[in-house]
Amino acid sequence: MIIVEYIDQIWPHNPLLPTDSYERALARFWVRYADDMISADRSLVTSSNGEEQEKAIEKIWEHLRVVEDQCLSDQKKFFGGDTINIVDIAFGSIVKFLLVIEGTLEVKFLEDEKFPHLHSWYNNFKDVPVIKENLPDQDKTVALLKFLREKILASS
């Protein structure tokens, strides 16, 4: 996310961080929270142990529940309100990776019934033109992750 902060500083006419210091601190907190989710994501890819995978899935669901309840319960279109900000980019990356893991391991994370606000937010996020134009192809990304996962598991 350091590169996103750099972009925010270089092109201030499209701010990704809030200008209010309190809101900026909250945004940084949630970006860090998104970063912390990566370890659970990683263990799903690098482990074939069913028990470890179940624990990782539960941990991811716990994180998603916090995001659902704390960030999106007021029906905002994006984390930043009406426009995407750095938190949207952070969680957009995480959710995209979770969708790739879904396609790789045949597990469902972003269920509409469990996480209706998060599901709605992601649909809004991926429909933003700049995001839509730059999201990696799902099938190609799943194929790549399957290939990498096979290599990782074969070497361990």
N, C-alpha and C. Protein backbone atom coordinates (compact mmCIF):
# COMPACT_ATOMS: atom_id res chain seq x y z
N MET A 1 0.82 -1.19 0.00
CA MET A 1 0.00 0.00 0.00
C MET A 1 0.87 1.26 0.00
N ILE A 2 2.15 1.08 0.18
CA ILE A 2 3.04 2.23 0.14
C ILE A 2 2.97 2.91 -1.22
N ILE A 3 2.89 2.14 -2.28
CA ILE A 3 2.82 2.73 -3.62
C ILE A 3 1.54 3.53 -3.79
N VAL A 4 0.45 3.10 -3.17
CA VAL A 4 -0.81 3.84 -3.26
C VAL A 4 -0.69 5.19 -2.55
N GLU A 5 -0.01 5.20 -1.40
CA GLU A 5 0.21 6.47 -0.71
C GLU A 5 1.09 7.39 -1.56
N TYR A 6 2.07 6.82 -2.24
CA TYR A 6 2.92 7.60 -3.13
C TYR A 6 2.09 8.22 -4.25
N ILE A 7 1.24 7.42 -4.86
CA ILE A 7 0.36 7.92 -5.93
C ILE A 7 -0.52 9.04 -5.41
N ASP A 8 -1.02 8.87 -4.19
CA ASP A 8 -1.86 9.89 -3.57
C ASP A 8 -1.11 11.21 -3.43
N GLN A 9 0.16 11.15 -3.11
CA GLN A 9 0.97 12.36 -2.95
C GLN A 9 1.33 12.99 -4.30
N ILE A 10 1.58 12.18 -5.30
CA ILE A 10 1.99 12.68 -6.61
C ILE A 10 0.82 13.29 -7.37
N TRP A 11 -0.35 12.70 -7.27
CA TRP A 11 -1.53 13.19 -7.96
C TRP A 11 -2.61 13.58 -6.94
N PRO A 12 -2.42 14.71 -6.28
CA PRO A 12 -3.35 15.11 -5.22
C PRO A 12 -4.75 15.51 -5.71
N HIS A 13 -4.92 15.71 -7.01
CA HIS A 13 -6.24 16.08 -7.52
C HIS A 13 -7.24 14.92 -7.46
N ASN A 14 -6.75 13.69 -7.26
CA ASN A 14 -7.60 12.51 -7.05
C ASN A 14 -7.19 11.85 -5.74
N PRO A 15 -7.54 12.45 -4.61
CA PRO A 15 -7.04 11.93 -3.32
C PRO A 15 -7.57 10.54 -2.99
N LEU A 16 -6.67 9.71 -2.50
CA LEU A 16 -7.03 8.37 -2.05
C LEU A 16 -7.08 8.29 -0.52
N LEU A 17 -6.40 9.21 0.13
CA LEU A 17 -6.46 9.31 1.60
C LEU A 17 -7.33 10.51 1.97
N PRO A 18 -8.13 10.38 3.01
CA PRO A 18 -8.94 11.52 3.44
C PRO A 18 -8.05 12.70 3.88
N THR A 19 -8.55 13.91 3.73
CA THR A 19 -7.78 15.08 4.14
C THR A 19 -7.86 15.30 5.65
N ASP A 20 -8.96 14.91 6.27
CA ASP A 20 -9.13 15.04 7.71
C ASP A 20 -8.18 14.05 8.41
N SER A 21 -7.44 14.55 9.39
CA SER A 21 -6.41 13.71 10.04
C SER A 21 -7.01 12.49 10.75
N TYR A 22 -8.17 12.65 11.39
CA TYR A 22 -8.81 11.51 12.05
C TYR A 22 -9.26 10.46 11.02
N GLU A 23 -9.90 10.91 9.96
CA GLU A 23 -10.34 10.00 8.90
C GLU A 23 -9.15 9.33 8.21
N ARG A 24 -8.05 10.07 8.05
CA ARG A 24 -6.84 9.52 7.45
C ARG A 24 -6.26 8.42 8.36
N ALA A 25 -6.27 8.65 9.67
CA ALA A 25 -5.79 7.64 10.61
C ALA A 25 -6.67 6.39 10.56
N LEU A 26 -7.99 6.57 10.47
CA LEU A 26 -8.90 5.42 10.35
C LEU A 26 -8.62 4.65 9.06
N ALA A 27 -8.41 5.37 7.97
CA ALA A 27 -8.12 4.72 6.70
C ALA A 27 -6.85 3.89 6.82
N ARG A 28 -5.83 4.43 7.45
CA ARG A 28 -4.58 3.69 7.62
C ARG A 28 -4.77 2.46 8.52
N PHE A 29 -5.61 2.60 9.53
CA PHE A 29 -5.93 1.46 10.40
C PHE A 29 -6.54 0.32 9.57
N TRP A 30 -7.53 0.65 8.73
CA TRP A 30 -8.21 -0.38 7.95
C TRP A 30 -7.31 -0.96 6.87
N VAL A 31 -6.41 -0.16 6.33
CA VAL A 31 -5.43 -0.69 5.38
C VAL A 31 -4.54 -1.72 6.09
N ARG A 32 -4.12 -1.40 7.29
CA ARG A 32 -3.30 -2.33 8.08
C ARG A 32 -4.08 -3.60 8.39
N TYR A 33 -5.36 -3.44 8.70
CA TYR A 33 -6.23 -4.59 8.98
C TYR A 33 -6.30 -5.49 7.74
N ALA A 34 -6.44 -4.89 6.58
CA ALA A 34 -6.46 -5.66 5.32
C ALA A 34 -5.14 -6.39 5.13
N ASP A 35 -4.04 -5.70 5.40
CA ASP A 35 -2.72 -6.34 5.29
C ASP A 35 -2.60 -7.55 6.21
N ASP A 36 -3.17 -7.44 7.41
CA ASP A 36 -3.11 -8.54 8.37
C ASP A 36 -3.89 -9.77 7.90
N MET A 37 -4.84 -9.58 7.01
CA MET A 37 -5.62 -10.71 6.50
C MET A 37 -4.79 -11.58 5.56
N ILE A 38 -3.73 -11.03 5.02
CA ILE A 38 -2.93 -11.74 4.03
C ILE A 38 -2.32 -13.02 4.59
N SER A 39 -1.94 -13.03 5.86
CA SER A 39 -1.32 -14.24 6.42
C SER A 39 -2.29 -15.42 6.41
N ALA A 40 -3.55 -15.18 6.69
CA ALA A 40 -4.54 -16.26 6.64
C ALA A 40 -4.75 -16.71 5.21
N ASP A 41 -4.78 -15.75 4.27
CA ASP A 41 -4.92 -16.08 2.85
C ASP A 41 -3.76 -16.96 2.40
N ARG A 42 -2.56 -16.57 2.81
CA ARG A 42 -1.35 -17.27 2.38
C ARG A 42 -1.36 -18.72 2.85
N SER A 43 -1.80 -18.95 4.09
CA SER A 43 -1.76 -20.31 4.61
C SER A 43 -2.74 -21.23 3.87
N LEU A 44 -3.77 -20.68 3.28
CA LEU A 44 -4.67 -21.50 2.48
C LEU A 44 -3.98 -22.03 1.22
N VAL A 45 -3.12 -21.21 0.68
CA VAL A 45 -2.44 -21.56 -0.57
C VAL A 45 -1.26 -22.48 -0.32
N THR A 46 -0.58 -22.30 0.80
CA THR A 46 0.66 -23.03 1.04
C THR A 46 0.49 -24.31 1.84
N SER A 47 -0.73 -24.60 2.27
CA SER A 47 -0.94 -25.79 3.09
C SER A 47 -1.95 -26.73 2.45
N SER A 48 -1.71 -28.01 2.61
CA SER A 48 -2.70 -29.00 2.16
C SER A 48 -3.36 -29.67 3.38
N ASN A 49 -2.97 -29.24 4.57
CA ASN A 49 -3.51 -29.77 5.81
C ASN A 49 -4.94 -29.25 6.00
N GLY A 50 -5.90 -30.15 6.02
CA GLY A 50 -7.31 -29.77 6.13
C GLY A 50 -7.62 -28.95 7.38
N GLU A 51 -7.00 -29.34 8.51
CA GLU A 51 -7.25 -28.63 9.76
C GLU A 51 -6.71 -27.20 9.70
N GLU A 52 -5.51 -27.04 9.15
CA GLU A 52 -4.92 -25.70 9.01
C GLU A 52 -5.77 -24.84 8.07
N GLN A 53 -6.26 -25.45 7.01
CA GLN A 53 -7.09 -24.71 6.06
C GLN A 53 -8.41 -24.29 6.71
N GLU A 54 -9.01 -25.17 7.49
CA GLU A 54 -10.25 -24.82 8.18
C GLU A 54 -10.05 -23.65 9.14
N LYS A 55 -8.93 -23.67 9.88
CA LYS A 55 -8.62 -22.56 10.79
C LYS A 55 -8.43 -21.27 10.01
N ALA A 56 -7.75 -21.35 8.88
CA ALA A 56 -7.52 -20.16 8.05
C ALA A 56 -8.85 -19.61 7.51
N ILE A 57 -9.72 -20.51 7.08
CA ILE A 57 -11.03 -20.09 6.58
C ILE A 57 -11.82 -19.40 7.68
N GLU A 58 -11.83 -19.97 8.86
CA GLU A 58 -12.53 -19.35 9.99
C GLU A 58 -11.96 -17.97 10.31
N LYS A 59 -10.65 -17.86 10.28
CA LYS A 59 -10.00 -16.58 10.56
C LYS A 59 -10.39 -15.53 9.51
N ILE A 60 -10.42 -15.95 8.25
CA ILE A 60 -10.82 -15.02 7.19
C ILE A 60 -12.26 -14.58 7.40
N TRP A 61 -13.14 -15.52 7.72
CA TRP A 61 -14.53 -15.16 7.97
C TRP A 61 -14.66 -14.20 9.15
N GLU A 62 -13.85 -14.40 10.19
CA GLU A 62 -13.87 -13.46 11.32
C GLU A 62 -13.48 -12.06 10.87
N HIS A 63 -12.41 -11.98 10.07
CA HIS A 63 -11.98 -10.68 9.55
C HIS A 63 -13.06 -10.04 8.68
N LEU A 64 -13.65 -10.83 7.81
CA LEU A 64 -14.70 -10.30 6.94
C LEU A 64 -15.90 -9.82 7.74
N ARG A 65 -16.21 -10.54 8.82
CA ARG A 65 -17.34 -10.14 9.67
C ARG A 65 -17.07 -8.78 10.31
N VAL A 66 -15.85 -8.55 10.76
CA VAL A 66 -15.49 -7.25 11.34
C VAL A 66 -15.65 -6.15 10.30
N VAL A 67 -15.17 -6.39 9.10
CA VAL A 67 -15.29 -5.40 8.03
C VAL A 67 -16.76 -5.14 7.72
N GLU A 68 -17.53 -6.20 7.62
CA GLU A 68 -18.97 -6.09 7.34
C GLU A 68 -19.66 -5.24 8.41
N ASP A 69 -19.37 -5.53 9.68
CA ASP A 69 -20.06 -4.86 10.78
C ASP A 69 -19.54 -3.45 11.08
N GLN A 70 -18.25 -3.25 10.95
CA GLN A 70 -17.65 -1.98 11.38
C GLN A 70 -17.50 -0.95 10.26
N CYS A 71 -17.35 -1.41 9.04
CA CYS A 71 -17.05 -0.48 7.95
C CYS A 71 -18.21 -0.23 7.00
N LEU A 72 -19.03 -1.22 6.81
CA LEU A 72 -20.02 -1.11 5.73
C LEU A 72 -21.46 -1.18 6.21
N SER A 73 -21.67 -1.18 7.50
CA SER A 73 -23.03 -1.34 8.00
C SER A 73 -23.92 -0.12 7.77
N ASP A 74 -23.31 1.03 7.45
CA ASP A 74 -24.13 2.22 7.22
C ASP A 74 -24.48 2.42 5.74
N GLN A 75 -24.34 1.36 4.95
CA GLN A 75 -24.76 1.34 3.56
C GLN A 75 -24.01 2.31 2.65
N LYS A 76 -22.76 2.62 2.99
CA LYS A 76 -21.97 3.44 2.09
C LYS A 76 -21.67 2.66 0.83
N LYS A 77 -21.56 3.38 -0.29
CA LYS A 77 -21.22 2.74 -1.55
C LYS A 77 -19.78 2.22 -1.51
N PHE A 78 -18.88 3.05 -0.95
CA PHE A 78 -17.47 2.69 -0.81
C PHE A 78 -17.03 3.01 0.60
N PHE A 79 -15.86 2.55 0.98
CA PHE A 79 -15.35 2.86 2.31
C PHE A 79 -15.21 4.37 2.49
N GLY A 80 -14.84 5.05 1.41
CA GLY A 80 -14.66 6.50 1.47
C GLY A 80 -15.92 7.30 1.20
N GLY A 81 -17.06 6.65 1.08
CA GLY A 81 -18.31 7.36 0.79
C GLY A 81 -18.75 7.11 -0.64
N ASP A 82 -18.72 8.17 -1.45
CA ASP A 82 -19.19 8.05 -2.84
C ASP A 82 -18.08 7.74 -3.83
N THR A 83 -16.83 7.85 -3.40
CA THR A 83 -15.71 7.56 -4.29
C THR A 83 -14.76 6.58 -3.60
N ILE A 84 -14.01 5.85 -4.42
CA ILE A 84 -13.08 4.89 -3.83
C ILE A 84 -11.91 5.62 -3.18
N ASN A 85 -11.38 5.01 -2.15
CA ASN A 85 -10.18 5.55 -1.49
C ASN A 85 -9.20 4.41 -1.23
N ILE A 86 -8.20 4.67 -0.47
CA ILE A 86 -7.13 3.71 -0.21
C ILE A 86 -7.65 2.44 0.47
N VAL A 87 -8.69 2.57 1.29
CA VAL A 87 -9.25 1.39 1.97
C VAL A 87 -9.94 0.49 0.96
N ASP A 88 -10.64 1.09 0.00
CA ASP A 88 -11.27 0.30 -1.05
C ASP A 88 -10.23 -0.47 -1.84
N ILE A 89 -9.13 0.18 -2.16
CA ILE A 89 -8.07 -0.48 -2.92
C ILE A 89 -7.47 -1.63 -2.11
N ALA A 90 -7.25 -1.41 -0.82
CA ALA A 90 -6.69 -2.46 0.03
C ALA A 90 -7.63 -3.66 0.11
N PHE A 91 -8.89 -3.42 0.43
CA PHE A 91 -9.82 -4.54 0.55
C PHE A 91 -10.20 -5.11 -0.81
N GLY A 92 -10.19 -4.28 -1.85
CA GLY A 92 -10.45 -4.78 -3.19
C GLY A 92 -9.43 -5.83 -3.60
N SER A 93 -8.18 -5.56 -3.25
CA SER A 93 -7.11 -6.53 -3.54
C SER A 93 -7.31 -7.82 -2.77
N ILE A 94 -7.68 -7.70 -1.51
CA ILE A 94 -7.89 -8.88 -0.66
C ILE A 94 -9.07 -9.70 -1.19
N VAL A 95 -10.18 -9.02 -1.47
CA VAL A 95 -11.36 -9.74 -1.94
C VAL A 95 -11.09 -10.40 -3.28
N LYS A 96 -10.39 -9.72 -4.17
CA LYS A 96 -10.05 -10.32 -5.46
C LYS A 96 -9.23 -11.59 -5.25
N PHE A 97 -8.26 -11.53 -4.34
CA PHE A 97 -7.45 -12.71 -4.06
C PHE A 97 -8.29 -13.82 -3.44
N LEU A 98 -9.24 -13.47 -2.57
CA LEU A 98 -10.13 -14.47 -1.99
C LEU A 98 -10.97 -15.14 -3.08
N LEU A 99 -11.40 -14.37 -4.05
CA LEU A 99 -12.18 -14.95 -5.16
C LEU A 99 -11.33 -15.90 -5.99
N VAL A 100 -10.05 -15.58 -6.13
CA VAL A 100 -9.14 -16.48 -6.83
C VAL A 100 -8.95 -17.76 -6.01
N ILE A 101 -8.81 -17.61 -4.70
CA ILE A 101 -8.70 -18.79 -3.83
C ILE A 101 -9.97 -19.63 -3.92
N GLU A 102 -11.13 -18.97 -3.96
CA GLU A 102 -12.39 -19.70 -4.12
C GLU A 102 -12.34 -20.60 -5.37
N GLY A 103 -11.86 -20.03 -6.46
CA GLY A 103 -11.77 -20.79 -7.70
C GLY A 103 -10.73 -21.88 -7.67
N THR A 104 -9.74 -21.73 -6.81
CA THR A 104 -8.65 -22.70 -6.71
C THR A 104 -9.01 -23.84 -5.76
N LEU A 105 -9.58 -23.51 -4.62
CA LEU A 105 -9.84 -24.51 -3.57
C LEU A 105 -11.30 -24.91 -3.45
N GLU A 106 -12.15 -24.30 -4.24
CA GLU A 106 -13.58 -24.59 -4.19
C GLU A 106 -14.18 -24.38 -2.80
N VAL A 107 -13.84 -23.23 -2.21
CA VAL A 107 -14.42 -22.80 -0.94
C VAL A 107 -15.05 -21.44 -1.20
N LYS A 108 -16.12 -21.12 -0.49
CA LYS A 108 -16.82 -19.85 -0.72
C LYS A 108 -16.58 -18.93 0.47
N PHE A 109 -16.06 -17.73 0.18
CA PHE A 109 -15.82 -16.73 1.23
C PHE A 109 -16.88 -15.64 1.24
N LEU A 110 -17.09 -15.05 0.10
CA LEU A 110 -17.91 -13.84 0.02
C LEU A 110 -19.36 -14.18 -0.32
N GLU A 111 -19.99 -14.89 0.58
CA GLU A 111 -21.38 -15.29 0.38
C GLU A 111 -22.29 -14.10 0.64
N ASP A 112 -23.23 -13.90 -0.27
CA ASP A 112 -24.16 -12.78 -0.18
C ASP A 112 -24.97 -12.82 1.13
N GLU A 113 -25.35 -14.03 1.55
CA GLU A 113 -26.16 -14.17 2.77
C GLU A 113 -25.35 -13.83 4.02
N LYS A 114 -24.08 -14.22 4.05
CA LYS A 114 -23.24 -13.98 5.22
C LYS A 114 -22.73 -12.55 5.29
N PHE A 115 -22.40 -11.99 4.13
CA PHE A 115 -21.78 -10.67 4.07
C PHE A 115 -22.45 -9.81 3.00
N PRO A 116 -23.71 -9.45 3.22
CA PRO A 116 -24.44 -8.70 2.17
C PRO A 116 -23.83 -7.34 1.86
N HIS A 117 -23.36 -6.61 2.87
CA HIS A 117 -22.77 -5.29 2.63
C HIS A 117 -21.44 -5.41 1.89
N LEU A 118 -20.63 -6.35 2.30
CA LEU A 118 -19.33 -6.56 1.66
C LEU A 118 -19.52 -7.02 0.21
N HIS A 119 -20.47 -7.89 0.01
CA HIS A 119 -20.79 -8.37 -1.33
C HIS A 119 -21.24 -7.21 -2.22
N SER A 120 -22.14 -6.39 -1.71
CA SER A 120 -22.62 -5.22 -2.46
C SER A 120 -21.48 -4.23 -2.73
N TRP A 121 -20.65 -3.98 -1.69
CA TRP A 121 -19.51 -3.08 -1.87
C TRP A 121 -18.60 -3.57 -2.98
N TYR A 122 -18.27 -4.88 -2.98
CA TYR A 122 -17.35 -5.38 -4.00
C TYR A 122 -17.95 -5.24 -5.40
N ASN A 123 -19.24 -5.47 -5.53
CA ASN A 123 -19.88 -5.28 -6.83
C ASN A 123 -19.76 -3.83 -7.28
N ASN A 124 -19.96 -2.89 -6.36
CA ASN A 124 -19.78 -1.47 -6.69
C ASN A 124 -18.33 -1.18 -7.07
N PHE A 125 -17.41 -1.71 -6.27
CA PHE A 125 -15.98 -1.48 -6.47
C PHE A 125 -15.52 -1.98 -7.84
N LYS A 126 -15.86 -3.21 -8.17
CA LYS A 126 -15.37 -3.78 -9.43
C LYS A 126 -16.04 -3.15 -10.65
N ASP A 127 -17.13 -2.41 -10.45
CA ASP A 127 -17.79 -1.72 -11.55
C ASP A 127 -17.27 -0.32 -11.81
N VAL A 128 -16.40 0.18 -10.94
CA VAL A 128 -15.77 1.48 -11.19
C VAL A 128 -14.91 1.31 -12.45
N PRO A 129 -15.06 2.18 -13.45
CA PRO A 129 -14.37 1.97 -14.73
C PRO A 129 -12.87 1.69 -14.61
N VAL A 130 -12.13 2.44 -13.83
CA VAL A 130 -10.68 2.23 -13.74
C VAL A 130 -10.35 0.87 -13.10
N ILE A 131 -11.20 0.43 -12.20
CA ILE A 131 -11.00 -0.89 -11.58
C ILE A 131 -11.38 -1.98 -12.58
N LYS A 132 -12.54 -1.83 -13.20
CA LYS A 132 -13.03 -2.82 -14.17
C LYS A 132 -12.02 -3.05 -15.29
N GLU A 133 -11.39 -1.98 -15.76
CA GLU A 133 -10.44 -2.07 -16.85
C GLU A 133 -9.13 -2.75 -16.44
N ASN A 134 -8.84 -2.79 -15.14
CA ASN A 134 -7.54 -3.26 -14.69
C ASN A 134 -7.57 -4.52 -13.83
N LEU A 135 -8.74 -5.04 -13.50
CA LEU A 135 -8.79 -6.29 -12.73
C LEU A 135 -8.26 -7.44 -13.57
N PRO A 136 -7.40 -8.26 -13.00
CA PRO A 136 -6.89 -9.41 -13.74
C PRO A 136 -8.02 -10.39 -14.08
N ASP A 137 -7.87 -11.08 -15.18
CA ASP A 137 -8.83 -12.08 -15.61
C ASP A 137 -8.92 -13.20 -14.56
N GLN A 138 -10.13 -13.51 -14.15
CA GLN A 138 -10.35 -14.50 -13.09
C GLN A 138 -9.82 -15.88 -13.47
N ASP A 139 -10.16 -16.36 -14.64
CA ASP A 139 -9.75 -17.71 -15.04
C ASP A 139 -8.23 -17.83 -15.14
N LYS A 140 -7.59 -16.82 -15.70
CA LYS A 140 -6.13 -16.86 -15.82
C LYS A 140 -5.46 -16.79 -14.46
N THR A 141 -6.03 -16.00 -13.56
CA THR A 141 -5.45 -15.87 -12.23
C THR A 141 -5.64 -17.15 -11.43
N VAL A 142 -6.79 -17.78 -11.56
CA VAL A 142 -7.03 -19.07 -10.89
C VAL A 142 -6.05 -20.12 -11.42
N ALA A 143 -5.87 -20.16 -12.73
CA ALA A 143 -4.94 -21.12 -13.33
C ALA A 143 -3.52 -20.89 -12.81
N LEU A 144 -3.11 -19.63 -12.72
CA LEU A 144 -1.78 -19.32 -12.21
C LEU A 144 -1.64 -19.75 -10.75
N LEU A 145 -2.64 -19.45 -9.93
CA LEU A 145 -2.56 -19.84 -8.52
C LEU A 145 -2.53 -21.36 -8.36
N LYS A 146 -3.31 -22.07 -9.16
CA LYS A 146 -3.29 -23.54 -9.09
C LYS A 146 -1.89 -24.07 -9.43
N PHE A 147 -1.30 -23.50 -10.46
CA PHE A 147 0.05 -23.90 -10.87
C PHE A 147 1.05 -23.62 -9.75
N LEU A 148 1.01 -22.40 -9.20
CA LEU A 148 1.95 -22.03 -8.12
C LEU A 148 1.72 -22.88 -6.88
N ARG A 149 0.47 -23.15 -6.56
CA ARG A 149 0.16 -23.96 -5.38
C ARG A 149 0.70 -25.37 -5.53
N GLU A 150 0.55 -25.94 -6.72
CA GLU A 150 1.11 -27.28 -6.97
C GLU A 150 2.61 -27.28 -6.77
N LYS A 151 3.30 -26.25 -7.25
CA LYS A 151 4.75 -26.15 -7.09
C LYS A 151 5.12 -26.02 -5.62
N ILE A 152 4.41 -25.19 -4.89
CA ILE A 152 4.68 -24.98 -3.46
C ILE A 152 4.48 -26.26 -2.69
N LEU A 153 3.36 -26.94 -2.93
CA LEU A 153 3.06 -28.18 -2.20
C LEU A 153 4.02 -29.30 -2.57
N ALA A 154 4.47 -29.32 -3.81
CA ALA A 154 5.41 -30.36 -4.25
C ALA A 154 6.79 -30.16 -3.61
N SER A 155 7.14 -28.91 -3.31
CA SER A 155 8.46 -28.64 -2.74
C SER A 155 8.49 -28.72 -1.22
N SER A 156 7.33 -28.89 -0.61
CA SER A 156 7.33 -28.94 0.87
C SER A 156 7.25 -30.35 1.40
